Amino acid sequence: MTNPVELSKDYLIDDNGKIYTNSTGTIGPTGPQGATGATGATGAAGPVGATGPQGIQGPPGSGGGSGASILLNYLPTADKYNNASLSADTWLDLINNQNIIIPSGNSFILIQLNALIIGNVGGGSHNNLRAVIDSGGTPINLNMAGAYGTLFPFSGSAIVAGLSVGTHTIKIQLKVQFGANGVYLRCFSIAEYEPLTLSVIGY
């Protein structure tokens, strides 16, 4: 259509004299629904929700060790031997009974002795140190050290487990198989040179 001229509100005419209807046609019927489109992208994450209630308390953990504790630190208040004679093949008290208290939680104890004894020992003699726990009840004898010939044992240690909670006694004994004479242990007057110490540590 070229240069249309309105004849009336319902008709138009072009340069060639062709007449056209100027009115809008009626709306046709709705076509069938098209296919569903592809799924859109996932939206952004929503805000974090409020904190939930606290859970119940878990069971207690296993107990740790109680650590080491000093049960006895013995230091003499007098010399032990001064040119003494020792009987043969007899257990002699080097340190008399001392009290120790076993607290709860100690599974074992360590006994540590340090001594320097001088004297004349018969040749070929077996010489021994031992600790005795609870000598007045059911004694526990613990060998600590030994020496052979003309030497005394100088120091020794022992470990014992299973002692009940409460008070126990401990003493240290010496045995010289063939006896000795001229024995010295001046553990108080010259403790620097002839010591006698006993430590008991609980674990």
Protein backbone atom coordinates (compact mmCIF):
# COMPACT_ATOMS: atom_id res chain seq x y z
CA MET A 1 0.00 0.00 0.00
CA THR A 2 1.42 3.43 -1.10
CA ASN A 3 0.23 6.79 0.18
CA PRO A 4 -3.03 5.55 1.66
CA VAL A 5 -5.78 8.10 2.13
CA GLU A 6 -8.42 7.64 4.79
CA LEU A 7 -11.87 7.53 3.26
CA SER A 8 -13.57 7.06 6.57
CA LYS A 9 -12.71 5.58 9.92
CA ASP A 10 -13.27 2.13 8.46
CA TYR A 11 -11.67 2.39 4.95
CA LEU A 12 -8.42 3.48 3.30
CA ILE A 13 -7.55 4.01 -0.41
CA ASP A 14 -4.06 4.02 -1.95
CA ASP A 15 -2.64 5.76 -5.09
CA ASN A 16 -3.74 2.88 -7.22
CA GLY A 17 -7.33 3.19 -6.10
CA LYS A 18 -7.28 0.03 -4.05
CA ILE A 19 -9.46 0.21 -0.98
CA TYR A 20 -8.47 -1.39 2.33
CA THR A 21 -10.43 -2.05 5.45
CA ASN A 22 -9.27 0.19 8.28
CA SER A 23 -10.87 -1.73 11.17
CA THR A 24 -9.07 -4.22 13.42
CA GLY A 25 -10.10 -7.81 12.95
CA THR A 26 -11.46 -9.89 15.78
CA ILE A 27 -8.98 -11.71 18.04
CA GLY A 28 -8.42 -15.28 16.96
CA PRO A 29 -8.67 -18.22 19.35
CA THR A 30 -5.86 -18.88 21.82
CA GLY A 31 -3.29 -21.30 20.45
CA PRO A 32 -2.21 -24.45 22.31
CA GLN A 33 0.19 -24.08 25.28
CA GLY A 34 3.82 -24.32 24.37
CA ALA A 35 6.27 -26.80 25.87
CA THR A 36 7.67 -26.19 29.42
CA GLY A 37 10.87 -24.22 29.33
CA ALA A 38 14.17 -25.43 30.77
CA THR A 39 14.66 -25.26 34.57
CA GLY A 40 16.11 -21.95 35.66
CA ALA A 41 19.36 -21.58 37.60
CA THR A 42 19.40 -22.32 41.39
CA GLY A 43 18.77 -19.25 43.46
CA ALA A 44 21.25 -17.87 45.99
CA ALA A 45 21.52 -19.65 49.39
CA GLY A 46 19.23 -18.36 52.07
CA PRO A 47 20.53 -16.99 55.42
CA VAL A 48 21.99 -19.35 58.11
CA GLY A 49 19.37 -20.55 60.55
CA ALA A 50 19.49 -19.90 64.28
CA THR A 51 21.84 -22.01 66.47
CA GLY A 52 20.24 -25.18 67.78
CA PRO A 53 20.16 -26.14 71.48
CA GLN A 54 23.32 -27.46 73.21
CA GLY A 55 23.72 -31.23 73.22
CA ILE A 56 23.97 -33.28 76.39
CA GLN A 57 27.33 -33.53 78.17
CA GLY A 58 29.51 -36.47 77.18
CA PRO A 59 30.88 -39.00 79.69
CA PRO A 60 34.01 -38.10 81.74
CA GLY A 61 37.35 -38.91 80.15
CA SER A 62 39.68 -41.48 81.63
CA GLY A 63 41.75 -40.28 84.55
CA GLY A 64 45.36 -39.28 84.03
CA GLY A 65 48.24 -40.37 86.21
CA SER A 66 48.62 -38.73 89.59
CA GLY A 67 52.28 -37.86 88.95
CA ALA A 68 55.28 -38.60 91.15
CA SER A 69 55.26 -37.88 94.87
CA ILE A 70 58.06 -38.20 97.42
CA LEU A 71 57.01 -40.65 100.14
CA LEU A 72 60.33 -40.75 102.01
CA ASN A 73 63.62 -38.88 101.90
CA TYR A 74 65.75 -40.43 104.64
CA LEU A 75 68.92 -38.80 105.94
CA PRO A 76 70.74 -40.24 108.98
CA THR A 77 71.25 -38.28 112.19
CA ALA A 78 74.25 -40.34 113.39
CA ASP A 79 77.05 -42.47 111.98
CA LYS A 80 76.11 -46.09 111.30
CA TYR A 81 79.44 -47.98 111.61
CA ASN A 82 82.75 -46.93 113.14
CA ASN A 83 85.29 -49.77 113.13
CA ALA A 84 82.48 -52.30 113.53
CA SER A 85 82.33 -56.05 112.92
CA LEU A 86 79.51 -57.62 110.91
CA SER A 87 78.24 -61.15 111.55
CA ALA A 88 78.54 -63.64 108.71
CA ASP A 89 75.57 -64.63 106.56
CA THR A 90 73.05 -62.59 108.60
CA TRP A 91 70.64 -59.88 107.46
CA LEU A 92 71.55 -56.75 109.44
CA ASP A 93 69.50 -53.53 109.53
CA LEU A 94 71.34 -50.81 107.65
CA ILE A 95 68.36 -48.43 107.96
CA ASN A 96 65.73 -49.21 110.59
CA ASN A 97 62.00 -49.20 109.80
CA GLN A 98 60.69 -45.93 108.37
CA ASN A 99 57.02 -45.12 107.77
CA ILE A 100 55.71 -44.38 104.31
CA ILE A 101 52.11 -43.46 103.45
CA ILE A 102 50.75 -44.76 100.16
CA PRO A 103 48.15 -42.31 98.80
CA SER A 104 45.35 -43.25 96.47
CA GLY A 105 46.39 -43.22 92.84
CA ASN A 106 49.94 -44.56 93.32
CA SER A 107 50.26 -47.72 91.25
CA PHE A 108 53.88 -48.47 92.23
CA ILE A 109 56.79 -47.11 94.26
CA LEU A 110 60.48 -46.72 93.46
CA ILE A 111 63.02 -47.34 96.25
CA GLN A 112 66.47 -45.83 95.78
CA LEU A 113 69.43 -46.32 98.17
CA ASN A 114 72.84 -44.68 98.03
CA ALA A 115 75.60 -45.79 100.44
CA LEU A 116 79.36 -46.11 100.73
CA ILE A 117 80.57 -48.74 103.22
CA ILE A 118 84.26 -49.36 103.95
CA GLY A 119 85.62 -52.49 105.64
CA ASN A 120 87.50 -55.76 105.44
CA VAL A 121 85.41 -58.49 103.83
CA GLY A 122 86.48 -62.11 103.54
CA GLY A 123 87.55 -63.12 100.05
CA GLY A 124 84.95 -64.81 97.84
CA SER A 125 82.08 -63.35 99.85
CA HIS A 126 78.66 -62.62 98.38
CA ASN A 127 77.35 -59.35 99.80
CA ASN A 128 73.79 -58.13 99.32
CA LEU A 129 71.36 -55.28 99.97
CA ARG A 130 67.60 -55.64 100.20
CA ALA A 131 64.52 -53.58 101.10
CA VAL A 132 61.87 -55.05 103.39
CA ILE A 133 58.31 -53.72 103.23
CA ASP A 134 56.05 -54.32 106.25
CA SER A 135 58.51 -56.45 108.20
CA GLY A 136 56.11 -56.57 111.17
CA GLY A 137 53.25 -58.07 109.15
CA THR A 138 53.50 -59.90 105.85
CA PRO A 139 56.98 -58.84 104.69
CA ILE A 140 57.88 -58.13 101.08
CA ASN A 141 61.61 -58.67 100.45
CA LEU A 142 63.12 -56.84 97.49
CA ASN A 143 66.69 -57.47 96.36
CA MET A 144 68.37 -54.16 95.53
CA ALA A 145 72.05 -54.79 94.81
CA GLY A 146 74.91 -57.22 95.27
CA ALA A 147 78.68 -57.39 95.21
CA TYR A 148 81.29 -60.17 95.27
CA GLY A 149 84.66 -60.56 96.93
CA THR A 150 85.95 -57.84 99.22
CA LEU A 151 83.49 -55.13 98.07
CA PHE A 152 80.29 -53.90 99.65
CA PRO A 153 77.34 -53.01 97.41
CA PHE A 154 77.25 -49.22 97.18
CA SER A 155 73.75 -48.46 95.95
CA GLY A 156 70.65 -50.13 94.63
CA SER A 157 67.02 -49.73 93.67
CA ALA A 158 63.78 -51.70 93.57
CA ILE A 159 60.20 -51.25 92.41
CA VAL A 160 57.12 -52.65 94.08
CA ALA A 161 53.49 -52.42 92.98
CA GLY A 162 50.17 -53.26 94.55
CA LEU A 163 50.64 -51.78 98.02
CA SER A 164 47.35 -50.84 99.65
CA VAL A 165 46.51 -47.23 100.47
CA GLY A 166 47.70 -46.27 103.95
CA THR A 167 50.79 -46.57 106.17
CA HIS A 168 53.54 -49.12 105.51
CA THR A 169 57.07 -49.58 106.84
CA ILE A 170 60.31 -49.94 104.91
CA LYS A 171 63.81 -50.83 106.07
CA ILE A 172 67.11 -51.63 104.34
CA GLN A 173 69.21 -54.67 105.27
CA LEU A 174 72.76 -55.76 104.47
CA LYS A 175 74.17 -59.30 104.45
CA VAL A 176 77.87 -60.23 104.18
CA GLN A 177 78.33 -63.93 103.47
CA PHE A 178 81.66 -64.37 105.30
CA GLY A 179 81.34 -61.43 107.69
CA ALA A 180 83.50 -58.33 107.90
CA ASN A 181 85.52 -56.28 110.36
CA GLY A 182 86.93 -52.78 110.48
CA VAL A 183 83.67 -51.55 108.93
CA TYR A 184 82.97 -47.82 108.58
CA LEU A 185 79.88 -45.91 107.48
CA ARG A 186 80.24 -42.41 108.90
CA CYS A 187 77.13 -41.19 107.14
CA PHE A 188 76.57 -38.24 109.45
CA SER A 189 79.99 -36.93 110.44
CA ILE A 190 81.49 -37.23 106.93
CA ALA A 191 78.35 -37.78 104.83
CA GLU A 192 80.05 -36.20 101.83
CA TYR A 193 82.43 -39.19 101.61
CA GLU A 194 80.41 -42.00 103.21
CA PRO A 195 76.75 -41.25 102.41
CA LEU A 196 73.66 -43.19 103.40
CA THR A 197 70.43 -41.94 101.82
CA LEU A 198 67.11 -43.57 101.05
CA SER A 199 64.38 -42.19 98.79
CA VAL A 200 60.96 -43.65 98.14
CA ILE A 201 58.91 -42.16 95.31
CA GLY A 202 55.32 -43.03 94.50
CA TYR A 203 53.93 -43.08 90.94
